[in-house]
Amino acid sequence: TNYADSVKGRSTISRDNAKNTVYLQMSSLK
């Protein structure tokens, strides 16, 4: 994974290859 500095520590990208889906969990939104 790789993150922009602006979201690092507040966001998590993940993928589920079985579901052909990618996710972006974002917290502490501004």
Full PDB file with SEQRES, HELIX, SHEET, SSBOND, CRYST1, ORIGX, SCALE, CONECT and MASTER records, all heavy atoms in Angstrom:
SEQRES   1 A   30  THR ASN TYR ALA ASP SER VAL LYS GLY ARG SER THR ILE          
SEQRES   2 A   30  SER ARG ASP ASN ALA LYS ASN THR VAL TYR LEU GLN MET          
SEQRES   3 A   30  SER SER LEU LYS                                              
SHEET    1 AA1 2 SER A  11  ASP A  16  0                                        
SHEET    2 AA1 2 THR A  21  MET A  26 -1                                        
CRYST1    1.000    1.000    1.000  90.00  90.00  90.00 P 1           1          
ORIGX1      1.000000  0.000000  0.000000        0.00000                         
ORIGX2      0.000000  1.000000  0.000000        0.00000                         
ORIGX3      0.000000  0.000000  1.000000        0.00000                         
SCALE1      1.000000  0.000000  0.000000        0.00000                         
SCALE2      0.000000  1.000000  0.000000        0.00000                         
SCALE3      0.000000  0.000000  1.000000        0.00000                         
ATOM      1  N   THR A   1       0.814  -1.207   0.000  1.00  0.00           N  
ATOM      2  CA  THR A   1       0.000   0.000   0.000  1.00  0.00           C  
ATOM      3  C   THR A   1       0.851   1.262   0.000  1.00  0.00           C  
ATOM      4  O   THR A   1       2.006   1.251   0.434  1.00  0.00           O  
ATOM      5  CB  THR A   1      -0.935   0.032   1.211  1.00  0.00           C  
ATOM      6  OG1 THR A   1      -0.147  -0.041   2.411  1.00  0.00           O  
ATOM      7  CG2 THR A   1      -1.909  -1.134   1.193  1.00  0.00           C  
ATOM      8  N   ASN A   2       0.245   2.320  -0.482  1.00  0.00           N  
ATOM      9  CA  ASN A   2       0.900   3.615  -0.517  1.00  0.00           C  
ATOM     10  C   ASN A   2      -0.173   4.666  -0.299  1.00  0.00           C  
ATOM     11  O   ASN A   2      -1.273   4.554  -0.861  1.00  0.00           O  
ATOM     12  CB  ASN A   2       1.591   3.827  -1.863  1.00  0.00           C  
ATOM     13  CG  ASN A   2       2.446   5.072  -1.884  1.00  0.00           C  
ATOM     14  OD1 ASN A   2       3.028   5.441  -0.870  1.00  0.00           O  
ATOM     15  ND2 ASN A   2       2.539   5.704  -3.031  1.00  0.00           N  
ATOM     16  N   TYR A   3       0.158   5.684   0.525  1.00  0.00           N  
ATOM     17  CA  TYR A   3      -0.829   6.698   0.870  1.00  0.00           C  
ATOM     18  C   TYR A   3      -0.279   8.102   0.628  1.00  0.00           C  
ATOM     19  O   TYR A   3       0.914   8.356   0.802  1.00  0.00           O  
ATOM     20  CB  TYR A   3      -1.226   6.591   2.341  1.00  0.00           C  
ATOM     21  CG  TYR A   3      -1.898   5.304   2.701  1.00  0.00           C  
ATOM     22  CD1 TYR A   3      -1.164   4.211   3.159  1.00  0.00           C  
ATOM     23  CD2 TYR A   3      -3.281   5.171   2.591  1.00  0.00           C  
ATOM     24  CE1 TYR A   3      -1.780   3.017   3.488  1.00  0.00           C  
ATOM     25  CE2 TYR A   3      -3.910   3.980   2.922  1.00  0.00           C  
ATOM     26  CZ  TYR A   3      -3.154   2.908   3.368  1.00  0.00           C  
ATOM     27  OH  TYR A   3      -3.776   1.732   3.685  1.00  0.00           O  
ATOM     28  N   ALA A   4      -1.168   9.000   0.287  1.00  0.00           N  
ATOM     29  CA  ALA A   4      -0.811  10.404   0.249  1.00  0.00           C  
ATOM     30  C   ALA A   4      -0.547  10.872   1.676  1.00  0.00           C  
ATOM     31  O   ALA A   4      -1.196  10.397   2.626  1.00  0.00           O  
ATOM     32  CB  ALA A   4      -1.933  11.220  -0.374  1.00  0.00           C  
ATOM     33  N   ASP A   5       0.381  11.787   1.831  1.00  0.00           N  
ATOM     34  CA  ASP A   5       0.698  12.287   3.168  1.00  0.00           C  
ATOM     35  C   ASP A   5      -0.528  12.871   3.860  1.00  0.00           C  
ATOM     36  O   ASP A   5      -0.665  12.785   5.074  1.00  0.00           O  
ATOM     37  CB  ASP A   5       1.794  13.351   3.081  1.00  0.00           C  
ATOM     38  CG  ASP A   5       3.149  12.761   2.750  1.00  0.00           C  
ATOM     39  OD1 ASP A   5       3.332  11.534   2.900  1.00  0.00           O  
ATOM     40  OD2 ASP A   5       4.040  13.528   2.330  1.00  0.00           O  
ATOM     41  N   SER A   6      -1.416  13.448   3.073  1.00  0.00           N  
ATOM     42  CA  SER A   6      -2.580  14.128   3.638  1.00  0.00           C  
ATOM     43  C   SER A   6      -3.560  13.171   4.308  1.00  0.00           C  
ATOM     44  O   SER A   6      -4.380  13.610   5.128  1.00  0.00           O  
ATOM     45  CB  SER A   6      -3.301  14.922   2.547  1.00  0.00           C  
ATOM     46  OG  SER A   6      -3.705  14.063   1.500  1.00  0.00           O  
ATOM     47  N   VAL A   7      -3.500  11.894   3.963  1.00  0.00           N  
ATOM     48  CA  VAL A   7      -4.448  10.929   4.548  1.00  0.00           C  
ATOM     49  C   VAL A   7      -3.746   9.834   5.347  1.00  0.00           C  
ATOM     50  O   VAL A   7      -4.410   9.001   5.966  1.00  0.00           O  
ATOM     51  CB  VAL A   7      -5.332  10.275   3.463  1.00  0.00           C  
ATOM     52  CG1 VAL A   7      -6.088  11.344   2.684  1.00  0.00           C  
ATOM     53  CG2 VAL A   7      -4.518   9.375   2.548  1.00  0.00           C  
ATOM     54  N   LYS A   8      -2.420   9.843   5.330  1.00  0.00           N  
ATOM     55  CA  LYS A   8      -1.674   8.800   6.030  1.00  0.00           C  
ATOM     56  C   LYS A   8      -2.027   8.797   7.505  1.00  0.00           C  
ATOM     57  O   LYS A   8      -2.082   9.843   8.149  1.00  0.00           O  
ATOM     58  CB  LYS A   8      -0.174   9.036   5.824  1.00  0.00           C  
ATOM     59  CG  LYS A   8       0.700   7.828   6.066  1.00  0.00           C  
ATOM     60  CD  LYS A   8       2.126   8.109   5.630  1.00  0.00           C  
ATOM     61  CE  LYS A   8       2.273   8.299   4.151  1.00  0.00           C  
ATOM     62  NZ  LYS A   8       3.670   8.510   3.715  1.00  0.00           N  
ATOM     63  N   GLY A   9      -2.277   7.619   8.036  1.00  0.00           N  
ATOM     64  CA  GLY A   9      -2.651   7.483   9.438  1.00  0.00           C  
ATOM     65  C   GLY A   9      -4.146   7.630   9.677  1.00  0.00           C  
ATOM     66  O   GLY A   9      -4.634   7.320  10.766  1.00  0.00           O  
ATOM     67  N   ARG A  10      -4.871   8.116   8.676  1.00  0.00           N  
ATOM     68  CA  ARG A  10      -6.322   8.288   8.810  1.00  0.00           C  
ATOM     69  C   ARG A  10      -7.096   7.399   7.855  1.00  0.00           C  
ATOM     70  O   ARG A  10      -8.335   7.337   7.938  1.00  0.00           O  
ATOM     71  CB  ARG A  10      -6.719   9.749   8.536  1.00  0.00           C  
ATOM     72  CG  ARG A  10      -6.071  10.774   9.415  1.00  0.00           C  
ATOM     73  CD  ARG A  10      -6.688  12.153   9.212  1.00  0.00           C  
ATOM     74  NE  ARG A  10      -6.436  12.690   7.887  1.00  0.00           N  
ATOM     75  CZ  ARG A  10      -7.398  13.013   7.015  1.00  0.00           C  
ATOM     76  NH1 ARG A  10      -8.673  12.824   7.321  1.00  0.00           N  
ATOM     77  NH2 ARG A  10      -7.091  13.533   5.827  1.00  0.00           N  
ATOM     78  N   SER A  11      -6.387   6.759   6.940  1.00  0.00           N  
ATOM     79  CA  SER A  11      -7.064   5.986   5.906  1.00  0.00           C  
ATOM     80  C   SER A  11      -6.416   4.624   5.738  1.00  0.00           C  
ATOM     81  O   SER A  11      -5.206   4.479   5.950  1.00  0.00           O  
ATOM     82  CB  SER A  11      -7.013   6.733   4.559  1.00  0.00           C  
ATOM     83  OG  SER A  11      -7.671   7.972   4.640  1.00  0.00           O  
ATOM     84  N   THR A  12      -7.226   3.663   5.338  1.00  0.00           N  
ATOM     85  CA  THR A  12      -6.738   2.314   5.058  1.00  0.00           C  
ATOM     86  C   THR A  12      -7.367   1.829   3.774  1.00  0.00           C  
ATOM     87  O   THR A  12      -8.596   1.810   3.644  1.00  0.00           O  
ATOM     88  CB  THR A  12      -7.086   1.351   6.194  1.00  0.00           C  
ATOM     89  OG1 THR A  12      -6.524   1.823   7.414  1.00  0.00           O  
ATOM     90  CG2 THR A  12      -6.545  -0.037   5.892  1.00  0.00           C  
ATOM     91  N   ILE A  13      -6.520   1.438   2.834  1.00  0.00           N  
ATOM     92  CA  ILE A  13      -7.005   0.840   1.601  1.00  0.00           C  
ATOM     93  C   ILE A  13      -6.851  -0.672   1.725  1.00  0.00           C  
ATOM     94  O   ILE A  13      -5.855  -1.166   2.275  1.00  0.00           O  
ATOM     95  CB  ILE A  13      -6.248   1.383   0.366  1.00  0.00           C  
ATOM     96  CG1 ILE A  13      -6.887   0.887  -0.929  1.00  0.00           C  
ATOM     97  CG2 ILE A  13      -4.762   1.046   0.426  1.00  0.00           C  
ATOM     98  CD1 ILE A  13      -6.344   1.561  -2.181  1.00  0.00           C  
ATOM     99  N   SER A  14      -7.823  -1.388   1.237  1.00  0.00           N  
ATOM    100  CA  SER A  14      -7.772  -2.852   1.287  1.00  0.00           C  
ATOM    101  C   SER A  14      -8.492  -3.400   0.065  1.00  0.00           C  
ATOM    102  O   SER A  14      -9.221  -2.680  -0.621  1.00  0.00           O  
ATOM    103  CB  SER A  14      -8.415  -3.376   2.571  1.00  0.00           C  
ATOM    104  OG  SER A  14      -9.772  -2.997   2.653  1.00  0.00           O  
ATOM    105  N   ARG A  15      -8.271  -4.672  -0.184  1.00  0.00           N  
ATOM    106  CA  ARG A  15      -8.922  -5.301  -1.321  1.00  0.00           C  
ATOM    107  C   ARG A  15      -9.384  -6.697  -0.950  1.00  0.00           C  
ATOM    108  O   ARG A  15      -8.771  -7.363  -0.119  1.00  0.00           O  
ATOM    109  CB  ARG A  15      -7.982  -5.339  -2.529  1.00  0.00           C  
ATOM    110  CG  ARG A  15      -6.735  -6.180  -2.347  1.00  0.00           C  
ATOM    111  CD  ARG A  15      -5.725  -5.961  -3.479  1.00  0.00           C  
ATOM    112  NE  ARG A  15      -6.277  -6.315  -4.785  1.00  0.00           N  
ATOM    113  CZ  ARG A  15      -5.790  -5.890  -5.944  1.00  0.00           C  
ATOM    114  NH1 ARG A  15      -4.743  -5.062  -5.963  1.00  0.00           N  
ATOM    115  NH2 ARG A  15      -6.334  -6.266  -7.083  1.00  0.00           N  
ATOM    116  N   ASP A  16     -10.457  -7.113  -1.608  1.00  0.00           N  
ATOM    117  CA  ASP A  16     -10.976  -8.472  -1.460  1.00  0.00           C  
ATOM    118  C   ASP A  16     -11.028  -9.049  -2.867  1.00  0.00           C  
ATOM    119  O   ASP A  16     -11.965  -8.755  -3.629  1.00  0.00           O  
ATOM    120  CB  ASP A  16     -12.353  -8.432  -0.805  1.00  0.00           C  
ATOM    121  CG  ASP A  16     -12.899  -9.818  -0.506  1.00  0.00           C  
ATOM    122  OD1 ASP A  16     -12.459 -10.786  -1.157  1.00  0.00           O  
ATOM    123  OD2 ASP A  16     -13.772  -9.932   0.366  1.00  0.00           O  
ATOM    124  N   ASN A  17     -10.058  -9.835  -3.209  1.00  0.00           N  
ATOM    125  CA  ASN A  17      -9.981 -10.376  -4.567  1.00  0.00           C  
ATOM    126  C   ASN A  17     -11.123 -11.347  -4.874  1.00  0.00           C  
ATOM    127  O   ASN A  17     -11.512 -11.505  -6.023  1.00  0.00           O  
ATOM    128  CB  ASN A  17      -8.637 -11.062  -4.792  1.00  0.00           C  
ATOM    129  CG  ASN A  17      -7.488 -10.080  -4.863  1.00  0.00           C  
ATOM    130  OD1 ASN A  17      -7.677  -8.886  -5.112  1.00  0.00           O  
ATOM    131  ND2 ASN A  17      -6.281 -10.566  -4.619  1.00  0.00           N  
ATOM    132  N   ALA A  18     -11.657 -11.971  -3.842  1.00  0.00           N  
ATOM    133  CA  ALA A  18     -12.780 -12.885  -4.046  1.00  0.00           C  
ATOM    134  C   ALA A  18     -14.046 -12.127  -4.458  1.00  0.00           C  
ATOM    135  O   ALA A  18     -14.917 -12.678  -5.144  1.00  0.00           O  
ATOM    136  CB  ALA A  18     -13.034 -13.689  -2.791  1.00  0.00           C  
ATOM    137  N   LYS A  19     -14.120 -10.867  -4.037  1.00  0.00           N  
ATOM    138  CA  LYS A  19     -15.296 -10.049  -4.349  1.00  0.00           C  
ATOM    139  C   LYS A  19     -15.008  -9.004  -5.418  1.00  0.00           C  
ATOM    140  O   LYS A  19     -15.888  -8.192  -5.743  1.00  0.00           O  
ATOM    141  CB  LYS A  19     -15.804  -9.353  -3.082  1.00  0.00           C  
ATOM    142  CG  LYS A  19     -16.320 -10.300  -2.025  1.00  0.00           C  
ATOM    143  CD  LYS A  19     -16.854  -9.537  -0.817  1.00  0.00           C  
ATOM    144  CE  LYS A  19     -17.419 -10.501   0.227  1.00  0.00           C  
ATOM    145  NZ  LYS A  19     -17.944  -9.765   1.411  1.00  0.00           N  
ATOM    146  N   ASN A  20     -13.778  -9.001  -5.940  1.00  0.00           N  
ATOM    147  CA  ASN A  20     -13.388  -7.999  -6.939  1.00  0.00           C  
ATOM    148  C   ASN A  20     -13.690  -6.579  -6.458  1.00  0.00           C  
ATOM    149  O   ASN A  20     -14.193  -5.734  -7.214  1.00  0.00           O  
ATOM    150  CB  ASN A  20     -14.112  -8.235  -8.277  1.00  0.00           C  
ATOM    151  CG  ASN A  20     -13.559  -9.426  -9.025  1.00  0.00           C  
ATOM    152  OD1 ASN A  20     -12.678 -10.131  -8.544  1.00  0.00           O  
ATOM    153  ND2 ASN A  20     -14.103  -9.687 -10.204  1.00  0.00           N  
ATOM    154  N   THR A  21     -13.365  -6.329  -5.210  1.00  0.00           N  
ATOM    155  CA  THR A  21     -13.718  -5.059  -4.589  1.00  0.00           C  
ATOM    156  C   THR A  21     -12.523  -4.474  -3.845  1.00  0.00           C  
ATOM    157  O   THR A  21     -11.779  -5.209  -3.182  1.00  0.00           O  
ATOM    158  CB  THR A  21     -14.901  -5.230  -3.633  1.00  0.00           C  
ATOM    159  OG1 THR A  21     -16.029  -5.735  -4.376  1.00  0.00           O  
ATOM    160  CG2 THR A  21     -15.295  -3.912  -2.989  1.00  0.00           C  
ATOM    161  N   VAL A  22     -12.385  -3.158  -3.962  1.00  0.00           N  
ATOM    162  CA  VAL A  22     -11.377  -2.432  -3.203  1.00  0.00           C  
ATOM    163  C   VAL A  22     -12.099  -1.438  -2.296  1.00  0.00           C  
ATOM    164  O   VAL A  22     -13.147  -0.898  -2.670  1.00  0.00           O  
ATOM    165  CB  VAL A  22     -10.371  -1.733  -4.135  1.00  0.00           C  
ATOM    166  CG1 VAL A  22     -11.043  -0.693  -5.019  1.00  0.00           C  
ATOM    167  CG2 VAL A  22      -9.230  -1.107  -3.343  1.00  0.00           C  
ATOM    168  N   TYR A  23     -11.541  -1.238  -1.119  1.00  0.00           N  
ATOM    169  CA  TYR A  23     -12.164  -0.391  -0.110  1.00  0.00           C  
ATOM    170  C   TYR A  23     -11.217   0.738   0.297  1.00  0.00           C  
ATOM    171  O   TYR A  23      -9.997   0.611   0.226  1.00  0.00           O  
ATOM    172  CB  TYR A  23     -12.520  -1.197   1.130  1.00  0.00           C  
ATOM    173  CG  TYR A  23     -13.384  -2.395   0.870  1.00  0.00           C  
ATOM    174  CD1 TYR A  23     -12.816  -3.660   0.722  1.00  0.00           C  
ATOM    175  CD2 TYR A  23     -14.759  -2.274   0.769  1.00  0.00           C  
ATOM    176  CE1 TYR A  23     -13.610  -4.774   0.482  1.00  0.00           C  
ATOM    177  CE2 TYR A  23     -15.562  -3.383   0.529  1.00  0.00           C  
ATOM    178  CZ  TYR A  23     -14.979  -4.638   0.387  1.00  0.00           C  
ATOM    179  OH  TYR A  23     -15.769  -5.730   0.139  1.00  0.00           O  
ATOM    180  N   LEU A  24     -11.821   1.818   0.768  1.00  0.00           N  
ATOM    181  CA  LEU A  24     -11.053   2.881   1.387  1.00  0.00           C  
ATOM    182  C   LEU A  24     -11.781   3.272   2.677  1.00  0.00           C  
ATOM    183  O   LEU A  24     -12.886   3.821   2.614  1.00  0.00           O  
ATOM    184  CB  LEU A  24     -10.916   4.098   0.477  1.00  0.00           C  
ATOM    185  CG  LEU A  24     -10.084   5.243   1.055  1.00  0.00           C  
ATOM    186  CD1 LEU A  24      -8.614   4.825   1.166  1.00  0.00           C  
ATOM    187  CD2 LEU A  24     -10.204   6.503   0.195  1.00  0.00           C  
ATOM    188  N   GLN A  25     -11.181   2.932   3.793  1.00  0.00           N  
ATOM    189  CA  GLN A  25     -11.723   3.309   5.089  1.00  0.00           C  
ATOM    190  C   GLN A  25     -11.073   4.621   5.495  1.00  0.00           C  
ATOM    191  O   GLN A  25      -9.846   4.714   5.564  1.00  0.00           O  
ATOM    192  CB  GLN A  25     -11.429   2.231   6.127  1.00  0.00           C  
ATOM    193  CG  GLN A  25     -11.903   2.561   7.525  1.00  0.00           C  
ATOM    194  CD  GLN A  25     -13.406   2.507   7.654  1.00  0.00           C  
ATOM    195  OE1 GLN A  25     -14.051   1.567   7.200  1.00  0.00           O  
ATOM    196  NE2 GLN A  25     -13.993   3.531   8.276  1.00  0.00           N  
ATOM    197  N   MET A  26     -11.887   5.615   5.755  1.00  0.00           N  
ATOM    198  CA  MET A  26     -11.378   6.925   6.115  1.00  0.00           C  
ATOM    199  C   MET A  26     -11.938   7.326   7.466  1.00  0.00           C  
ATOM    200  O   MET A  26     -13.131   7.154   7.733  1.00  0.00           O  
ATOM    201  CB  MET A  26     -11.766   7.967   5.065  1.00  0.00           C  
ATOM    202  CG  MET A  26     -11.307   7.627   3.657  1.00  0.00           C  
ATOM    203  SD  MET A  26     -11.798   8.870   2.459  1.00  0.00           S  
ATOM    204  CE  MET A  26     -10.779  10.226   2.979  1.00  0.00           C  
ATOM    205  N   SER A  27     -11.093   7.874   8.316  1.00  0.00           N  
ATOM    206  CA  SER A  27     -11.524   8.317   9.631  1.00  0.00           C  
ATOM    207  C   SER A  27     -10.942   9.702   9.910  1.00  0.00           C  
ATOM    208  O   SER A  27     -10.119  10.204   9.155  1.00  0.00           O  
ATOM    209  CB  SER A  27     -11.087   7.317  10.698  1.00  0.00           C  
ATOM    210  OG  SER A  27      -9.684   7.188  10.716  1.00  0.00           O  
ATOM    211  N   SER A  28     -11.393  10.280  11.004  1.00  0.00           N  
ATOM    212  CA  SER A  28     -10.960  11.639  11.379  1.00  0.00           C  
ATOM    213  C   SER A  28     -11.066  12.584  10.187  1.00  0.00           C  
ATOM    214  O   SER A  28     -10.140  13.342   9.886  1.00  0.00           O  
ATOM    215  CB  SER A  28      -9.526  11.617  11.915  1.00  0.00           C  
ATOM    216  OG  SER A  28      -9.420  10.768  13.034  1.00  0.00           O  
ATOM    217  N   LEU A  29     -12.192  12.511   9.534  1.00  0.00           N  
ATOM    218  CA  LEU A  29     -12.363  13.274   8.300  1.00  0.00           C  
ATOM    219  C   LEU A  29     -12.368  14.772   8.568  1.00  0.00           C  
ATOM    220  O   LEU A  29     -12.861  15.247   9.612  1.00  0.00           O  
ATOM    221  CB  LEU A  29     -13.650  12.850   7.601  1.00  0.00           C  
ATOM    222  CG  LEU A  29     -13.551  11.508   6.871  1.00  0.00           C  
ATOM    223  CD1 LEU A  29     -14.920  10.931   6.582  1.00  0.00           C  
ATOM    224  CD2 LEU A  29     -12.749  11.655   5.590  1.00  0.00           C  
ATOM    225  N   LYS A  30     -11.807  15.507   7.606  1.00  0.00           N  
ATOM    226  CA  LYS A  30     -11.694  16.957   7.700  1.00  0.00           C  
ATOM    227  C   LYS A  30     -12.439  17.607   6.534  1.00  0.00           C  
ATOM    228  O   LYS A  30     -12.624  16.966   5.488  1.00  0.00           O  
ATOM    229  CB  LYS A  30     -10.218  17.350   7.623  1.00  0.00           C  
ATOM    230  CG  LYS A  30      -9.328  16.651   8.618  1.00  0.00           C  
ATOM    231  CD  LYS A  30      -7.871  16.983   8.365  1.00  0.00           C  
ATOM    232  CE  LYS A  30      -6.945  16.240   9.313  1.00  0.00           C  
ATOM    233  NZ  LYS A  30      -5.514  16.560   9.060  1.00  0.00           N  
TER     234      LYS A  30                                                      
MASTER        0    0    0    0    2    0    0    6  233    1    0    3          
END                                                                             
